[in-house]
Amino acid sequence: MLYSTEEAYKKLAKNFYETRMIGKPITKKNIIMALKACAKDYVPSYWRKLRNAIELDQRLKGFSETADKVKVTLNPITSDPTKKAQIKPKRNKLKAVKASDEAKLIERLMSGSSGDKYVYATVMIVKYLGCRPAEINDLEFLPGNKILVNSAKKRADRGIDRTLTISDRKTFEALQKYHHLLINAPYAKPITYVQKRLAKVTKEIWPQRKCLPTLYSWRHQLGCDLKKSDKSRIEIAAIMGHLSVESVNQYGRPKHARISRGYLSVSKHSMKLVKVTKPTLPPSKKVKNKGPALQR
């Protein structure tokens, strides 16, 4: 697990204790009760993230028994078929980026405030590599136009580290420059700043829209483009950092493909890490129910 992810999980767990267990001792029983009680307030994916955070926090504190119990705790809403109507719906997400929208955003970022250059740099990194936002800080640029992407999902048994190769040297150097710019940005948490700034800028550009581009939108766009290519599902999964080929289904639709991704390849070692079987599901789901030239 990345250090930044671990710190974020610890902070999330701390907030849970302070807001969901007011006046109660932090015991195994009370944690489980509070975790189940808040399930109705969160979308299932966030609840799982919260559970993972509490599990990690308890394990780091030496309470392995509590951590093990938290790990197998089921979401009382999603695990009960009769409560399906109570599941909090996900927010709509933009899973493809139109060329015209991207051009309008880039034009705005290029002429915006000084901080917008960090947003532009981050968008370019995700656009060309498809990495998760949490993986950007720890990208490693290696000889031979290679980039090591350290997975942010390994702990959940859902992701893999992968080594990507950029065929075009100028694109590789531009991405390296953008990464250097970003990690040296004058902010305590550059990625958090970028995400908040991107949300503000896109809202200003498209005030009437309910669904706006996020960094993940460009990751989804990569998925669209890869599915339209002649790359195998195993290769696509490896590029995206998926442990299982089944996870490829979650990212992108071929009909939204825009550009060639011929500049991007992944190492054979990375592909060997991909499993053809279905990915490990979180406990709450285990219920038996019947390239282009880079703009510089």
Protein backbone atom coordinates (compact mmCIF):
# COMPACT_ATOMS: atom_id res chain seq x y z
CA MET A 1 0.00 0.00 0.00
CA LEU A 2 1.20 3.47 -0.83
CA TYR A 3 2.20 5.64 2.12
CA SER A 4 -0.26 8.33 1.04
CA THR A 5 -3.09 5.78 0.92
CA GLU A 6 -2.20 4.45 4.37
CA GLU A 7 -2.23 7.95 5.83
CA ALA A 8 -5.56 8.70 4.17
CA TYR A 9 -7.04 5.49 5.60
CA LYS A 10 -5.81 6.31 9.11
CA LYS A 11 -7.37 9.76 8.85
CA LEU A 12 -10.63 8.25 7.61
CA ALA A 13 -10.72 5.79 10.52
CA LYS A 14 -10.00 8.56 13.02
CA ASN A 15 -12.87 10.61 11.66
CA PHE A 16 -15.15 7.57 11.92
CA TYR A 17 -14.35 7.11 15.61
CA GLU A 18 -14.86 10.81 16.31
CA THR A 19 -18.15 11.21 14.45
CA ARG A 20 -19.80 7.79 14.58
CA MET A 21 -18.75 6.64 18.06
CA ILE A 22 -19.23 9.77 20.14
CA GLY A 23 -19.07 8.94 23.84
CA LYS A 24 -18.55 5.23 23.22
CA PRO A 25 -15.40 3.21 23.94
CA ILE A 26 -13.61 1.99 20.82
CA THR A 27 -14.24 -1.72 21.22
CA LYS A 28 -14.72 -4.47 18.67
CA LYS A 29 -18.46 -4.64 19.32
CA ASN A 30 -19.00 -0.89 19.15
CA ILE A 31 -16.96 -0.52 15.97
CA ILE A 32 -18.97 -3.22 14.18
CA MET A 33 -22.28 -1.75 15.35
CA ALA A 34 -21.32 1.77 14.23
CA LEU A 35 -20.01 0.49 10.89
CA LYS A 36 -23.26 -1.31 10.17
CA ALA A 37 -25.35 1.63 11.34
CA CYS A 38 -23.78 4.05 8.86
CA ALA A 39 -24.18 1.76 5.83
CA LYS A 40 -27.43 3.45 4.79
CA ASP A 41 -25.67 6.83 4.57
CA TYR A 42 -23.00 5.85 2.05
CA VAL A 43 -22.76 4.36 -1.41
CA PRO A 44 -21.49 0.76 -1.17
CA SER A 45 -18.04 1.58 -2.58
CA TYR A 46 -17.40 4.27 0.04
CA TRP A 47 -18.65 2.00 2.83
CA ARG A 48 -16.15 -0.66 1.71
CA LYS A 49 -13.40 1.95 1.70
CA LEU A 50 -14.38 2.96 5.23
CA ARG A 51 -14.34 -0.67 6.36
CA ASN A 52 -10.90 -1.17 4.83
CA ALA A 53 -9.66 1.96 6.58
CA ILE A 54 -10.90 0.79 9.98
CA GLU A 55 -9.45 -2.67 9.43
CA LEU A 56 -6.05 -1.21 8.59
CA ASP A 57 -6.13 1.21 11.51
CA GLN A 58 -6.98 -1.52 14.01
CA ARG A 59 -4.32 -3.84 12.60
CA LEU A 60 -1.67 -1.15 12.80
CA LYS A 61 -2.64 -0.56 16.42
CA GLY A 62 -2.13 -4.23 17.20
CA PHE A 63 -5.79 -5.23 17.47
CA SER A 64 -5.67 -8.10 14.97
CA GLU A 65 -8.82 -9.79 16.25
CA THR A 66 -10.86 -6.63 15.77
CA ALA A 67 -9.30 -6.06 12.35
CA ASP A 68 -10.19 -9.60 11.25
CA LYS A 69 -13.78 -9.13 12.41
CA VAL A 70 -14.09 -5.80 10.60
CA LYS A 71 -12.67 -7.34 7.42
CA VAL A 72 -15.49 -9.90 7.14
CA THR A 73 -18.29 -7.58 8.23
CA LEU A 74 -21.03 -7.47 5.61
CA ASN A 75 -22.82 -4.35 4.50
CA PRO A 76 -26.29 -4.85 6.05
CA ILE A 77 -27.92 -3.05 3.14
CA THR A 78 -26.27 -4.69 0.12
CA SER A 79 -26.15 -8.16 1.70
CA ASP A 80 -29.92 -8.23 2.27
CA PRO A 81 -31.97 -8.60 -0.94
CA THR A 82 -35.02 -7.14 0.80
CA LYS A 83 -33.18 -3.84 1.37
CA LYS A 84 -32.13 -3.28 -2.22
CA ALA A 85 -34.26 -0.14 -2.46
CA GLN A 86 -32.29 1.40 0.42
CA ILE A 87 -28.95 1.28 -1.38
CA LYS A 88 -27.67 4.80 -1.87
CA PRO A 89 -27.09 5.33 -5.61
CA LYS A 90 -23.72 6.30 -7.01
CA ARG A 91 -23.21 9.75 -8.40
CA ASN A 92 -23.15 9.88 -12.18
CA LYS A 93 -19.61 9.82 -13.51
CA LEU A 94 -18.33 10.95 -16.87
CA LYS A 95 -16.72 7.85 -18.37
CA ALA A 96 -15.53 9.34 -21.65
CA VAL A 97 -14.13 12.71 -22.67
CA LYS A 98 -15.18 14.37 -25.92
CA ALA A 99 -12.38 15.90 -27.97
CA SER A 100 -14.20 19.24 -28.03
CA ASP A 101 -14.60 19.27 -24.24
CA GLU A 102 -10.96 18.38 -23.73
CA ALA A 103 -9.85 21.14 -26.08
CA LYS A 104 -12.02 23.70 -24.28
CA LEU A 105 -10.66 22.64 -20.88
CA ILE A 106 -7.04 22.75 -22.05
CA GLU A 107 -7.55 26.19 -23.55
CA ARG A 108 -8.90 27.39 -20.21
CA LEU A 109 -6.06 25.80 -18.22
CA MET A 110 -3.39 27.25 -20.50
CA SER A 111 -4.75 30.76 -19.98
CA GLY A 112 -5.83 30.42 -16.36
CA SER A 113 -4.16 31.05 -13.01
CA SER A 114 -0.62 29.90 -12.20
CA GLY A 115 -1.99 26.88 -10.36
CA ASP A 116 -3.76 25.64 -13.48
CA LYS A 117 -0.48 24.42 -14.95
CA TYR A 118 -0.49 21.67 -12.33
CA VAL A 119 -4.00 20.67 -13.35
CA TYR A 120 -2.94 20.56 -16.99
CA ALA A 121 0.12 18.46 -16.14
CA THR A 122 -1.97 15.97 -14.19
CA VAL A 123 -4.61 15.67 -16.89
CA MET A 124 -1.90 14.92 -19.44
CA ILE A 125 -0.38 12.23 -17.22
CA VAL A 126 -3.69 10.46 -16.68
CA LYS A 127 -4.69 10.90 -20.32
CA TYR A 128 -1.58 9.17 -21.63
CA LEU A 129 -0.97 6.60 -18.89
CA GLY A 130 -4.46 5.98 -17.51
CA CYS A 131 -3.10 5.68 -13.98
CA ARG A 132 -5.25 6.17 -10.92
CA PRO A 133 -4.91 9.59 -9.26
CA ALA A 134 -3.48 7.93 -6.14
CA GLU A 135 -0.68 6.41 -8.25
CA ILE A 136 0.61 9.62 -9.82
CA ASN A 137 2.93 10.79 -7.04
CA ASP A 138 4.92 7.56 -7.05
CA LEU A 139 5.43 7.12 -10.79
CA GLU A 140 9.00 6.08 -11.59
CA PHE A 141 10.53 7.15 -14.90
CA LEU A 142 13.13 4.61 -15.97
CA PRO A 143 15.67 4.23 -18.79
CA GLY A 144 14.32 3.03 -22.12
CA ASN A 145 11.17 5.19 -22.03
CA LYS A 146 9.76 2.96 -19.28
CA ILE A 147 7.46 4.09 -16.49
CA LEU A 148 6.79 2.00 -13.38
CA VAL A 149 3.30 2.53 -12.00
CA ASN A 150 3.04 1.37 -8.40
CA SER A 151 -0.50 0.15 -7.85
CA ALA A 152 -2.77 1.86 -5.36
CA LYS A 153 -5.06 -1.18 -5.25
CA LYS A 154 -2.78 -4.05 -4.27
CA ARG A 155 -4.04 -4.26 -0.71
CA ALA A 156 -7.56 -4.94 -1.90
CA ASP A 157 -6.26 -7.80 -4.07
CA ARG A 158 -7.51 -5.92 -7.10
CA GLY A 159 -4.48 -4.23 -8.65
CA ILE A 160 -0.94 -4.81 -9.88
CA ASP A 161 2.22 -2.82 -10.38
CA ARG A 162 2.97 -2.46 -14.08
CA THR A 163 5.81 -1.25 -16.24
CA LEU A 164 4.67 0.75 -19.24
CA THR A 165 6.76 1.69 -22.26
CA ILE A 166 6.18 4.87 -24.26
CA SER A 167 7.34 4.40 -27.85
CA ASP A 168 7.72 8.12 -28.54
CA ARG A 169 10.68 9.71 -26.75
CA LYS A 170 9.22 13.23 -26.87
CA THR A 171 6.01 12.05 -25.23
CA PHE A 172 8.00 10.25 -22.53
CA GLU A 173 10.08 13.35 -21.80
CA ALA A 174 6.99 15.56 -21.71
CA LEU A 175 5.29 13.24 -19.21
CA GLN A 176 8.45 13.18 -17.10
CA LYS A 177 8.51 16.98 -17.13
CA TYR A 178 4.85 17.17 -16.10
CA HIS A 179 5.43 14.70 -13.28
CA HIS A 180 8.43 16.65 -11.98
CA LEU A 181 6.36 19.84 -12.08
CA LEU A 182 3.49 18.25 -10.20
CA ILE A 183 5.42 16.58 -7.37
CA ASN A 184 7.22 19.87 -6.74
CA ALA A 185 4.03 21.93 -6.67
CA PRO A 186 3.77 24.33 -3.69
CA TYR A 187 0.91 22.41 -2.09
CA ALA A 188 0.85 19.94 0.81
CA LYS A 189 -1.21 17.53 -1.31
CA PRO A 190 -0.78 18.37 -5.01
CA ILE A 191 -3.25 15.76 -6.28
CA THR A 192 -5.94 16.93 -3.87
CA TYR A 193 -5.37 20.50 -5.03
CA VAL A 194 -5.60 19.42 -8.66
CA GLN A 195 -8.84 17.51 -8.11
CA LYS A 196 -10.50 20.43 -6.33
CA ARG A 197 -9.26 22.95 -8.87
CA LEU A 198 -10.37 20.77 -11.78
CA ALA A 199 -13.84 20.49 -10.24
CA LYS A 200 -14.06 24.27 -9.91
CA VAL A 201 -12.80 25.02 -13.42
CA THR A 202 -15.08 22.49 -15.12
CA LYS A 203 -18.05 23.84 -13.20
CA GLU A 204 -17.22 27.33 -14.45
CA ILE A 205 -16.91 26.12 -18.04
CA TRP A 206 -20.08 23.99 -17.98
CA PRO A 207 -22.32 25.45 -15.22
CA GLN A 208 -25.44 23.66 -16.47
CA ARG A 209 -23.97 20.17 -16.53
CA LYS A 210 -24.57 17.71 -13.72
CA CYS A 211 -21.82 15.33 -14.81
CA LEU A 212 -18.38 16.90 -15.22
CA PRO A 213 -14.95 15.52 -16.14
CA THR A 214 -12.74 14.26 -13.31
CA LEU A 215 -9.27 12.73 -13.51
CA TYR A 216 -10.94 9.32 -13.64
CA SER A 217 -12.75 10.37 -16.82
CA TRP A 218 -9.44 10.22 -18.70
CA ARG A 219 -8.69 6.81 -17.19
CA HIS A 220 -12.05 5.63 -18.50
CA GLN A 221 -11.25 7.19 -21.88
CA LEU A 222 -8.07 5.14 -22.05
CA GLY A 223 -10.21 2.07 -21.39
CA CYS A 224 -12.48 3.05 -24.28
CA ASP A 225 -9.55 3.45 -26.65
CA LEU A 226 -7.83 0.23 -25.58
CA LYS A 227 -10.99 -1.81 -26.09
CA LYS A 228 -11.20 -0.50 -29.64
CA SER A 229 -7.58 -1.50 -30.29
CA ASP A 230 -6.21 -4.92 -31.23
CA LYS A 231 -4.66 -5.43 -27.79
CA SER A 232 -5.65 -8.56 -25.86
CA ARG A 233 -7.77 -8.35 -22.71
CA ILE A 234 -4.78 -9.44 -20.65
CA GLU A 235 -2.66 -6.64 -22.09
CA ILE A 236 -5.44 -4.12 -21.51
CA ALA A 237 -5.86 -5.30 -17.91
CA ALA A 238 -2.12 -4.99 -17.30
CA ILE A 239 -1.95 -1.46 -18.75
CA MET A 240 -4.89 -0.41 -16.57
CA GLY A 241 -3.38 -2.06 -13.49
CA HIS A 242 -6.12 -4.66 -13.03
CA LEU A 243 -5.42 -7.95 -11.29
CA SER A 244 -8.16 -9.68 -13.29
CA VAL A 245 -9.25 -9.45 -16.91
CA GLU A 246 -12.83 -9.29 -15.61
CA SER A 247 -12.11 -5.81 -14.26
CA VAL A 248 -11.61 -4.58 -17.83
CA ASN A 249 -15.40 -4.57 -18.15
CA GLN A 250 -15.63 -1.68 -15.68
CA TYR A 251 -13.65 0.78 -17.78
CA GLY A 252 -14.71 2.26 -21.07
CA ARG A 253 -16.93 1.41 -24.01
CA PRO A 254 -15.45 0.91 -27.49
CA LYS A 255 -18.08 3.18 -29.03
CA HIS A 256 -16.53 6.12 -27.16
CA ALA A 257 -13.01 5.43 -28.46
CA ARG A 258 -11.28 8.53 -29.86
CA ILE A 259 -7.57 8.00 -30.38
CA SER A 260 -5.00 5.32 -31.07
CA ARG A 261 -2.94 4.05 -28.17
CA GLY A 262 -0.20 2.53 -30.28
CA TYR A 263 2.42 4.49 -28.32
CA LEU A 264 1.64 2.51 -25.15
CA SER A 265 2.74 -1.02 -24.27
CA VAL A 266 3.19 -3.01 -21.07
CA SER A 267 5.89 -5.46 -19.98
CA LYS A 268 5.41 -9.22 -20.27
CA HIS A 269 6.11 -9.53 -16.56
CA SER A 270 3.19 -7.21 -15.82
CA MET A 271 0.90 -9.28 -18.06
CA LYS A 272 1.89 -12.45 -16.20
CA LEU A 273 0.50 -10.92 -13.01
CA VAL A 274 -2.98 -10.65 -14.52
CA LYS A 275 -5.41 -13.43 -13.64
CA VAL A 276 -7.96 -14.76 -16.07
CA THR A 277 -10.30 -15.70 -13.22
CA LYS A 278 -12.77 -13.29 -11.68
CA PRO A 279 -11.37 -10.74 -9.21
CA THR A 280 -11.71 -11.16 -5.46
CA LEU A 281 -15.02 -9.66 -4.40
CA PRO A 282 -15.46 -7.70 -1.19
CA PRO A 283 -17.38 -9.62 1.52
CA SER A 284 -20.52 -7.55 0.92
CA LYS A 285 -20.67 -8.91 -2.63
CA LYS A 286 -20.22 -12.57 -1.66
CA VAL A 287 -23.91 -13.18 -1.17
CA LYS A 288 -25.61 -15.95 -3.06
CA ASN A 289 -28.48 -14.47 -4.98
CA LYS A 290 -30.32 -16.37 -7.62
CA GLY A 291 -1.02 7.31 -30.25
CA PRO A 292 -1.43 10.88 -30.70
CA ALA A 293 1.30 13.53 -30.38
CA LEU A 294 1.34 14.98 -26.89
CA GLN A 295 0.37 18.62 -26.51
CA ARG A 296 3.25 20.44 -24.89
